[in-house]
Structure formats: C-alpha cells, structure tokens
Amino acid sequence: TVSLKSLSLLRLITESSQLEELVAEVEADEVEHLFKLFLSLELENRRCSIRRLAIHLSAPHGVFSLNSTQEAAVCAGWFGIAGRLHPNAFIVFSTSSTQLPETVPFQLPWVDSNVFTVDMAMCTTGKLPKSTPLRKPLDFPCTEFLERPNGTLVAGDLRPSASVSWLGPNATPHVGKVQPLMQSPSVWRTHGSADRSWNWVNWNLEEALKVLAHNAKHRR
C-alpha cells in the first residue's frame, strides 16, 4: 500500500508500466492530486496496465462537505481514471472512517457495478488494504447483497433519495437498497443517452480538474 505522495514519486502510472494492481491510501480532500497523475495518459489517449486499483480513502482532518458541482467533478474524475486503466479494470473503494461511506465515491458502485466496487469488510476492520498475492486472482468484492449507503453527505443527484431522477420516470427509490441502473455512465458515454441532469458523465479528467480548481479558487 502506497501513499499518494509516494505514488507521485514512483511514476507507476504510465503506459510502459507492467503493474496490474495498485493499492493506495488517499486523503479524501486530496483526490484531485490523484486525478492529475492520470491526466497525461488522457492527454495522450493512452491506458496503463492496472487491472485492479484499490483506493483506501481517509479523512485525518475530518470530512469536508462538497457542493453538487464539486461532487460532479469528483465523479467525473473517478470515471476518467477508470478510462485510463486496463479495459477490464475495476476500482475498489475502502475506508476506516465512519463518515466517508456516506460521501459520493461510495455511491459509485451502485452507479456502475462493472467499474466500481467497495470492500465493506475492509471498512469494518480498520486495516489498510494489501495487494493480492501472485498465486491468487484479483479480488472483486461483490456489492450485490450489500446495503447501499444512505449518502447522508451527498449533495447532488447521486444521493439515493434523489435517485428517481436517474433511474427513470417510473422508478420508485428505496433508500439504502441496491438499485440496478437502466444504463451505466460507461454505456452513456458510448451511446450518448445520458440523463441531461448528469452532465458530468461526458466530462473528461481535464474538465473535472478545471471545475475542482475553479471551486477551490472561489473557496479562498
């Protein structure tokens, strides 16, 4: 398990790297720096070899609330990273915090379960995740039987209580339960059938970073 600072120094996120799994601890308010590490791949329209990206989010200084625009940029950033990994890659979230599961990244496994998942077992142990032994297959924790977080710290449309807007006009939200999507953002990007309220679906990493930088500037 590497820190974000170590990750930036090791230069592991390149097309030439043969790394298949990366496990990193990232502070929730520093995800913007992680997004920047993948930006060069996007600008060159390249992918790296990572198949399993395990992100352990922490909040040593407390959980900072985000507005809906910032949340949109964060979501776009995570999908942007997913688009720079191996085509069959997935991202696993975990945390030791009791509050972070209520933030927007932990809603993403219920938005696109092909790309994102969450290791809830790791969330309850308080331990840092470790890389997979070579003799074992890369672990993909299934969320099918997990209760979806209520998203009490989510400001935008990904809060389950607002999910009727993205499940469809005839959907009935069941807060905290697994809800299958009609189409995932990865499909929307391909076919252009996204709900217009989810304009972040078509943002790339560069656009997401610009939004985050703009909001950070206006917070000062």
Protein backbone atom coordinates (compact mmCIF):
# COMPACT_ATOMS: atom_id res chain seq x y z
CA THR A 1 0.00 0.00 0.00
CA VAL A 2 1.48 3.32 -1.07
CA SER A 3 0.64 6.87 -0.10
CA LEU A 4 -0.36 9.48 -2.65
CA LYS A 5 3.00 11.23 -2.18
CA SER A 6 4.91 8.01 -2.80
CA LEU A 7 2.75 7.26 -5.81
CA SER A 8 3.62 10.59 -7.41
CA LEU A 9 7.35 9.92 -6.91
CA LEU A 10 7.38 6.30 -8.11
CA ARG A 11 5.88 7.09 -11.53
CA LEU A 12 3.92 3.85 -11.66
CA ILE A 13 1.04 5.27 -13.69
CA THR A 14 2.49 5.06 -17.19
CA GLU A 15 1.70 3.08 -20.32
CA SER A 16 5.05 1.29 -20.11
CA SER A 17 4.50 0.06 -16.55
CA GLN A 18 3.57 -3.63 -16.27
CA LEU A 19 1.84 -3.14 -12.94
CA GLU A 20 -1.51 -4.98 -12.74
CA GLU A 21 -2.58 -3.92 -9.26
CA LEU A 22 -2.14 -0.71 -7.32
CA VAL A 23 -3.21 -0.19 -3.71
CA ALA A 24 -3.05 3.39 -2.47
CA GLU A 25 -4.15 5.36 0.57
CA VAL A 26 -5.54 8.76 -0.41
CA GLU A 27 -6.95 11.53 1.75
CA ALA A 28 -10.46 12.33 0.57
CA ASP A 29 -9.71 16.03 0.16
CA GLU A 30 -6.65 15.26 -1.99
CA VAL A 31 -8.25 13.13 -4.72
CA GLU A 32 -7.61 16.00 -7.14
CA HIS A 33 -3.87 15.19 -6.92
CA LEU A 34 -4.59 11.56 -7.77
CA PHE A 35 -6.62 12.63 -10.80
CA LYS A 36 -3.65 14.69 -12.01
CA LEU A 37 -1.43 11.59 -12.03
CA PHE A 38 -3.65 10.08 -14.73
CA LEU A 39 -4.00 13.26 -16.78
CA SER A 40 -1.00 12.63 -19.03
CA LEU A 41 -2.50 9.29 -20.09
CA GLU A 42 -5.72 11.04 -21.03
CA LEU A 43 -3.96 13.77 -22.97
CA GLU A 44 -2.07 11.12 -24.95
CA ASN A 45 -5.18 8.93 -25.26
CA ARG A 46 -3.38 6.01 -23.64
CA ARG A 47 -4.07 3.45 -20.94
CA CYS A 48 -1.91 1.88 -18.27
CA SER A 49 -1.79 -1.83 -17.39
CA ILE A 50 -3.52 -1.59 -13.99
CA ARG A 51 -6.43 -4.04 -13.71
CA ARG A 52 -7.27 -3.52 -10.04
CA LEU A 53 -7.00 -0.10 -8.44
CA ALA A 54 -7.71 -0.27 -4.70
CA ILE A 55 -8.22 3.13 -3.09
CA HIS A 56 -8.36 3.42 0.69
CA LEU A 57 -9.83 6.84 1.43
CA SER A 58 -9.00 8.55 4.70
CA ALA A 59 -10.05 11.77 6.39
CA PRO A 60 -7.49 12.63 9.09
CA HIS A 61 -8.69 16.25 9.19
CA GLY A 62 -12.39 15.44 9.03
CA VAL A 63 -14.79 15.07 6.13
CA PHE A 64 -15.25 18.25 4.11
CA SER A 65 -18.68 18.81 2.58
CA LEU A 66 -18.85 19.26 -1.19
CA ASN A 67 -21.43 21.11 -3.22
CA SER A 68 -23.16 19.37 -6.12
CA THR A 69 -20.72 20.84 -8.68
CA GLN A 70 -17.70 19.56 -6.78
CA GLU A 71 -19.33 16.16 -6.43
CA ALA A 72 -19.96 16.07 -10.16
CA ALA A 73 -16.28 16.79 -10.82
CA VAL A 74 -15.21 14.08 -8.36
CA CYS A 75 -17.48 11.53 -10.06
CA ALA A 76 -16.17 12.54 -13.47
CA GLY A 77 -12.63 12.23 -12.14
CA TRP A 78 -13.14 8.67 -10.95
CA PHE A 79 -14.72 7.66 -14.26
CA GLY A 80 -11.87 9.45 -16.02
CA ILE A 81 -9.35 7.36 -14.10
CA ALA A 82 -11.29 4.19 -14.93
CA GLY A 83 -10.99 5.08 -18.61
CA ARG A 84 -7.19 5.20 -18.33
CA LEU A 85 -6.84 1.75 -16.72
CA HIS A 86 -6.80 -1.63 -18.49
CA PRO A 87 -10.08 -2.11 -20.43
CA ASN A 88 -11.20 -4.81 -17.96
CA ALA A 89 -10.05 -2.95 -14.85
CA PHE A 90 -12.07 -2.02 -11.79
CA ILE A 91 -11.71 0.34 -8.83
CA VAL A 92 -12.24 -0.82 -5.24
CA PHE A 93 -13.01 1.74 -2.54
CA SER A 94 -12.47 1.19 1.18
CA THR A 95 -12.11 3.35 4.27
CA SER A 96 -11.67 3.17 8.03
CA SER A 97 -13.74 6.32 8.51
CA THR A 98 -17.32 6.08 9.75
CA GLN A 99 -18.33 9.15 7.71
CA LEU A 100 -16.68 8.60 4.33
CA PRO A 101 -19.05 5.76 3.29
CA GLU A 102 -21.75 8.45 3.24
CA THR A 103 -19.86 10.50 0.63
CA VAL A 104 -20.30 10.36 -3.13
CA PRO A 105 -17.46 7.94 -4.12
CA PHE A 106 -19.18 5.18 -2.15
CA GLN A 107 -22.31 5.64 -4.28
CA LEU A 108 -20.42 4.82 -7.48
CA PRO A 109 -20.54 1.00 -7.08
CA TRP A 110 -24.33 1.35 -7.35
CA VAL A 111 -23.99 3.58 -10.39
CA ASP A 112 -21.70 1.34 -12.45
CA SER A 113 -21.01 -2.02 -10.83
CA ASN A 114 -18.81 -3.07 -13.75
CA VAL A 115 -16.25 -0.42 -12.91
CA PHE A 116 -16.57 0.30 -9.18
CA THR A 117 -16.97 -1.78 -6.07
CA VAL A 118 -16.43 -1.38 -2.34
CA ASP A 119 -14.69 -3.61 0.18
CA MET A 120 -17.00 -3.24 3.16
CA ALA A 121 -15.13 -5.93 5.07
CA MET A 122 -12.05 -3.76 4.91
CA CYS A 123 -14.13 -0.78 6.04
CA THR A 124 -15.03 -2.53 9.30
CA THR A 125 -11.59 -3.86 10.24
CA GLY A 126 -9.78 -0.54 10.37
CA LYS A 127 -6.86 -2.08 8.47
CA LEU A 128 -5.21 -0.86 5.29
CA PRO A 129 -5.82 -3.00 2.19
CA LYS A 130 -2.94 -5.01 0.77
CA SER A 131 -2.02 -6.14 -2.70
CA THR A 132 -3.15 -9.55 -3.91
CA PRO A 133 -0.65 -12.45 -3.66
CA LEU A 134 0.57 -13.55 -7.10
CA ARG A 135 -0.95 -17.00 -6.71
CA LYS A 136 -4.45 -15.58 -6.26
CA PRO A 137 -6.78 -13.90 -8.76
CA LEU A 138 -7.50 -10.20 -8.36
CA ASP A 139 -10.34 -9.87 -5.87
CA PHE A 140 -13.55 -8.11 -6.92
CA PRO A 141 -15.78 -7.68 -3.83
CA CYS A 142 -19.40 -8.08 -4.89
CA THR A 143 -21.91 -5.43 -3.82
CA GLU A 144 -24.99 -7.38 -4.87
CA PHE A 145 -26.00 -8.28 -1.33
CA LEU A 146 -24.68 -5.16 0.37
CA GLU A 147 -26.89 -2.41 1.68
CA ARG A 148 -26.26 0.76 -0.22
CA PRO A 149 -25.02 3.69 1.92
CA ASN A 150 -27.70 6.29 2.58
CA GLY A 151 -25.49 9.06 1.20
CA THR A 152 -26.21 11.45 4.04
CA LEU A 153 -23.17 13.53 3.00
CA VAL A 154 -24.07 13.56 -0.71
CA ALA A 155 -25.38 16.87 -2.02
CA GLY A 156 -26.25 16.05 -5.63
CA ASP A 157 -28.25 13.60 -7.72
CA LEU A 158 -26.34 10.53 -6.52
CA ARG A 159 -27.98 10.70 -3.12
CA PRO A 160 -30.29 7.65 -3.06
CA SER A 161 -33.30 9.76 -2.08
CA ALA A 162 -32.80 11.66 -5.36
CA SER A 163 -32.22 8.52 -7.42
CA VAL A 164 -35.61 8.61 -9.09
CA SER A 165 -34.12 11.28 -11.39
CA TRP A 166 -31.56 8.87 -12.78
CA LEU A 167 -33.38 5.54 -12.52
CA GLY A 168 -36.15 6.74 -14.81
CA PRO A 169 -39.54 8.46 -14.55
CA ASN A 170 -41.38 5.35 -13.31
CA ALA A 171 -38.80 4.28 -10.73
CA THR A 172 -39.52 4.14 -7.03
CA PRO A 173 -36.45 4.84 -4.88
CA HIS A 174 -35.68 2.50 -2.00
CA VAL A 175 -33.20 4.37 0.13
CA GLY A 176 -30.23 2.28 1.20
CA LYS A 177 -31.00 -0.70 -1.04
CA VAL A 178 -29.25 -1.90 -4.15
CA GLN A 179 -30.87 -0.37 -7.21
CA PRO A 180 -29.96 -1.58 -10.71
CA LEU A 181 -29.36 1.19 -13.19
CA MET A 182 -31.07 1.26 -16.55
CA GLN A 183 -27.75 2.20 -18.10
CA SER A 184 -24.41 2.97 -16.52
CA PRO A 185 -22.35 6.10 -17.27
CA SER A 186 -19.82 3.97 -19.17
CA VAL A 187 -22.64 3.00 -21.55
CA TRP A 188 -23.95 6.56 -21.71
CA ARG A 189 -20.53 7.80 -22.77
CA THR A 190 -20.61 5.40 -25.70
CA HIS A 191 -24.18 5.89 -26.85
CA GLY A 192 -24.90 9.42 -25.67
CA SER A 193 -28.12 8.50 -23.88
CA ALA A 194 -27.39 10.10 -20.52
CA ASP A 195 -29.95 11.98 -18.49
CA ARG A 196 -29.16 15.65 -19.19
CA SER A 197 -29.01 16.37 -15.45
CA TRP A 198 -25.93 14.17 -15.30
CA ASN A 199 -23.84 16.46 -17.47
CA TRP A 200 -20.66 15.30 -15.68
CA VAL A 201 -20.93 11.93 -17.44
CA ASN A 202 -19.26 13.40 -20.51
CA TRP A 203 -16.59 15.36 -18.66
CA ASN A 204 -13.04 14.12 -19.05
CA LEU A 205 -10.31 14.33 -16.42
CA GLU A 206 -9.06 17.67 -17.64
CA GLU A 207 -12.53 19.20 -17.41
CA ALA A 208 -13.12 17.70 -13.95
CA LEU A 209 -9.83 19.15 -12.71
CA LYS A 210 -10.73 22.59 -14.07
CA VAL A 211 -14.03 22.51 -12.19
CA LEU A 212 -12.33 21.45 -8.95
CA ALA A 213 -9.65 24.14 -9.35
CA HIS A 214 -12.29 26.79 -10.06
CA ASN A 215 -14.28 25.85 -6.96
CA ALA A 216 -11.14 25.76 -4.82
CA LYS A 217 -10.22 29.26 -6.01
CA HIS A 218 -13.63 30.62 -5.02
CA ARG A 219 -13.46 28.98 -1.59
CA ARG A 220 -10.39 31.01 -0.67
